[in-house]
N, C-alpha and C. Protein backbone atom coordinates (compact mmCIF):
# COMPACT_ATOMS: atom_id res chain seq x y z
N UNK A 1 202.73 141.38 177.48
CA UNK A 1 203.41 142.30 176.60
C UNK A 1 204.99 141.90 176.11
N UNK A 2 205.55 141.33 177.01
CA UNK A 2 206.66 140.95 176.84
C UNK A 2 207.07 139.82 175.52
N UNK A 3 206.12 139.07 175.48
CA UNK A 3 205.80 138.17 174.37
C UNK A 3 206.14 138.99 173.16
N UNK A 4 205.00 139.67 172.98
CA UNK A 4 205.04 140.53 172.03
C UNK A 4 206.17 140.74 171.68
N UNK A 5 206.42 141.80 172.61
CA UNK A 5 207.86 142.54 171.84
C UNK A 5 208.95 141.75 171.20
N UNK A 6 209.28 140.63 171.95
CA UNK A 6 209.86 139.85 171.31
C UNK A 6 209.83 138.87 170.24
N UNK A 7 208.70 138.28 170.33
CA UNK A 7 208.16 138.12 168.55
C UNK A 7 208.61 139.51 167.65
N UNK A 8 208.26 140.49 168.06
CA UNK A 8 208.35 141.90 166.88
C UNK A 8 209.82 141.91 166.82
N UNK A 9 210.42 141.45 167.68
CA UNK A 9 212.38 141.73 167.84
C UNK A 9 212.59 140.57 166.69
N UNK A 10 212.52 139.47 167.29
CA UNK A 10 212.37 138.15 166.02
C UNK A 10 211.67 138.29 164.40
N UNK A 11 211.30 138.77 164.50
CA UNK A 11 210.59 139.07 163.04
C UNK A 11 210.95 140.47 162.38
N UNK A 12 211.54 141.45 163.16
CA UNK A 12 212.28 142.56 162.39
C UNK A 12 213.44 142.03 162.34
N UNK A 13 214.54 141.56 163.37
CA UNK A 13 216.13 141.55 163.35
C UNK A 13 216.37 140.35 163.09
N UNK A 14 215.90 139.25 163.63
CA UNK A 14 216.88 138.06 163.77
C UNK A 14 216.48 137.20 162.19
N UNK A 15 214.86 137.22 161.86
CA UNK A 15 214.44 136.90 160.55
C UNK A 15 215.22 137.27 159.26
N UNK A 16 215.05 138.56 158.75
CA UNK A 16 215.74 139.17 158.11
C UNK A 16 217.56 139.01 158.03
N UNK A 17 218.21 138.92 158.98
CA UNK A 17 219.49 138.89 159.09
C UNK A 17 219.82 137.38 158.77
N UNK A 18 218.80 136.50 159.36
CA UNK A 18 218.91 135.08 158.62
C UNK A 18 219.24 134.90 157.38
N UNK A 19 218.20 135.17 156.71
CA UNK A 19 217.66 135.31 155.36
C UNK A 19 218.52 136.26 154.43
N UNK A 20 219.29 137.45 154.78
CA UNK A 20 220.48 138.23 154.11
C UNK A 20 222.11 137.03 153.94
N UNK A 21 221.85 136.38 155.18
CA UNK A 21 223.30 135.70 155.33
C UNK A 21 223.49 134.44 155.04
N UNK A 22 222.23 134.32 154.26
CA UNK A 22 221.87 132.65 153.62
C UNK A 22 221.84 133.28 152.16
N UNK A 23 221.74 134.31 151.64
CA UNK A 23 221.73 134.88 150.27
C UNK A 23 223.26 135.36 149.86
N UNK A 24 224.02 135.90 150.81
CA UNK A 24 225.58 136.39 150.77
C UNK A 24 226.29 135.39 150.79
N UNK A 25 226.21 134.44 151.90
CA UNK A 25 227.16 132.98 151.94
C UNK A 25 226.03 131.72 152.22
N UNK A 26 227.09 130.84 151.86
CA UNK A 26 226.70 129.81 152.30
C UNK A 26 226.95 129.30 153.29
N UNK A 27 226.64 129.12 154.91
CA UNK A 27 227.20 128.68 155.71
C UNK A 27 228.13 127.51 156.14
N UNK A 28 226.92 126.41 155.40
CA UNK A 28 227.36 124.97 155.79
C UNK A 28 227.75 124.50 154.39
N UNK A 29 228.45 125.31 153.11
CA UNK A 29 228.70 124.96 151.93
C UNK A 29 228.23 123.77 151.35
N UNK A 30 226.47 123.84 151.39
CA UNK A 30 225.92 122.76 150.88
C UNK A 30 225.89 123.03 149.38
N UNK A 31 226.21 124.10 148.55
CA UNK A 31 225.54 123.96 147.08
C UNK A 31 227.16 123.28 146.49
N UNK A 32 227.09 122.66 145.35
CA UNK A 32 228.15 121.85 144.76
C UNK A 32 228.73 122.70 143.49
N UNK A 33 229.83 123.04 143.66
CA UNK A 33 230.55 123.34 142.78
C UNK A 33 229.97 123.14 141.48
N UNK A 34 229.97 124.44 140.54
CA UNK A 34 229.65 124.11 139.02
C UNK A 34 230.53 123.23 138.44
N UNK A 35 230.10 122.08 137.67
CA UNK A 35 231.20 121.95 136.93
C UNK A 35 231.94 120.29 137.36
N UNK A 36 231.23 120.17 138.67
CA UNK A 36 231.36 118.83 139.54
C UNK A 36 230.27 117.58 139.72
N UNK A 37 230.65 116.78 139.43
CA UNK A 37 229.73 115.62 139.70
C UNK A 37 229.68 114.68 141.27
N UNK A 38 229.88 115.41 142.13
CA UNK A 38 229.97 114.61 143.30
C UNK A 38 229.90 116.19 144.46
N UNK A 39 229.52 115.93 145.48
CA UNK A 39 229.85 116.81 146.62
C UNK A 39 231.11 116.16 147.47
N UNK A 40 231.48 115.65 147.25
CA UNK A 40 233.27 114.67 147.94
C UNK A 40 233.77 115.88 147.95
N UNK A 41 234.59 116.20 148.80
CA UNK A 41 235.48 116.91 149.11
C UNK A 41 236.67 116.20 149.79
N UNK A 42 237.85 116.72 149.36
CA UNK A 42 239.27 115.36 149.61
C UNK A 42 239.23 116.28 150.63
N UNK A 43 239.54 115.39 151.97
CA UNK A 43 240.70 115.74 153.08
C UNK A 43 241.76 116.13 153.55
N UNK A 44 241.70 117.26 154.07
CA UNK A 44 242.96 117.75 154.41
C UNK A 44 244.15 117.25 155.24
N UNK A 45 245.36 117.10 154.74
CA UNK A 45 245.96 115.88 155.81
C UNK A 45 246.43 116.72 157.28
N UNK A 46 246.50 116.22 158.20
CA UNK A 46 246.50 116.85 159.78
C UNK A 46 247.84 117.05 160.08
N UNK A 47 247.98 118.13 160.52
CA UNK A 47 249.33 119.03 160.93
C UNK A 47 250.16 117.77 162.08
N UNK A 48 251.36 117.44 161.69
CA UNK A 48 252.37 116.85 162.93
C UNK A 48 252.50 117.91 163.87
N UNK A 49 252.43 116.73 165.03
CA UNK A 49 252.94 117.92 166.44
C UNK A 49 254.29 117.62 166.92
């Protein structure tokens, strides 16, 4: 019974939350900005200590 409840929670809570977060925002910045030819982004310089 516990396995079924965990499966149900996963299907009703975790999966929809993951799908909504992918639709709203690209968490890994995998989409290339429009008008660019490459995925490369310039590194930001490190702050001096």
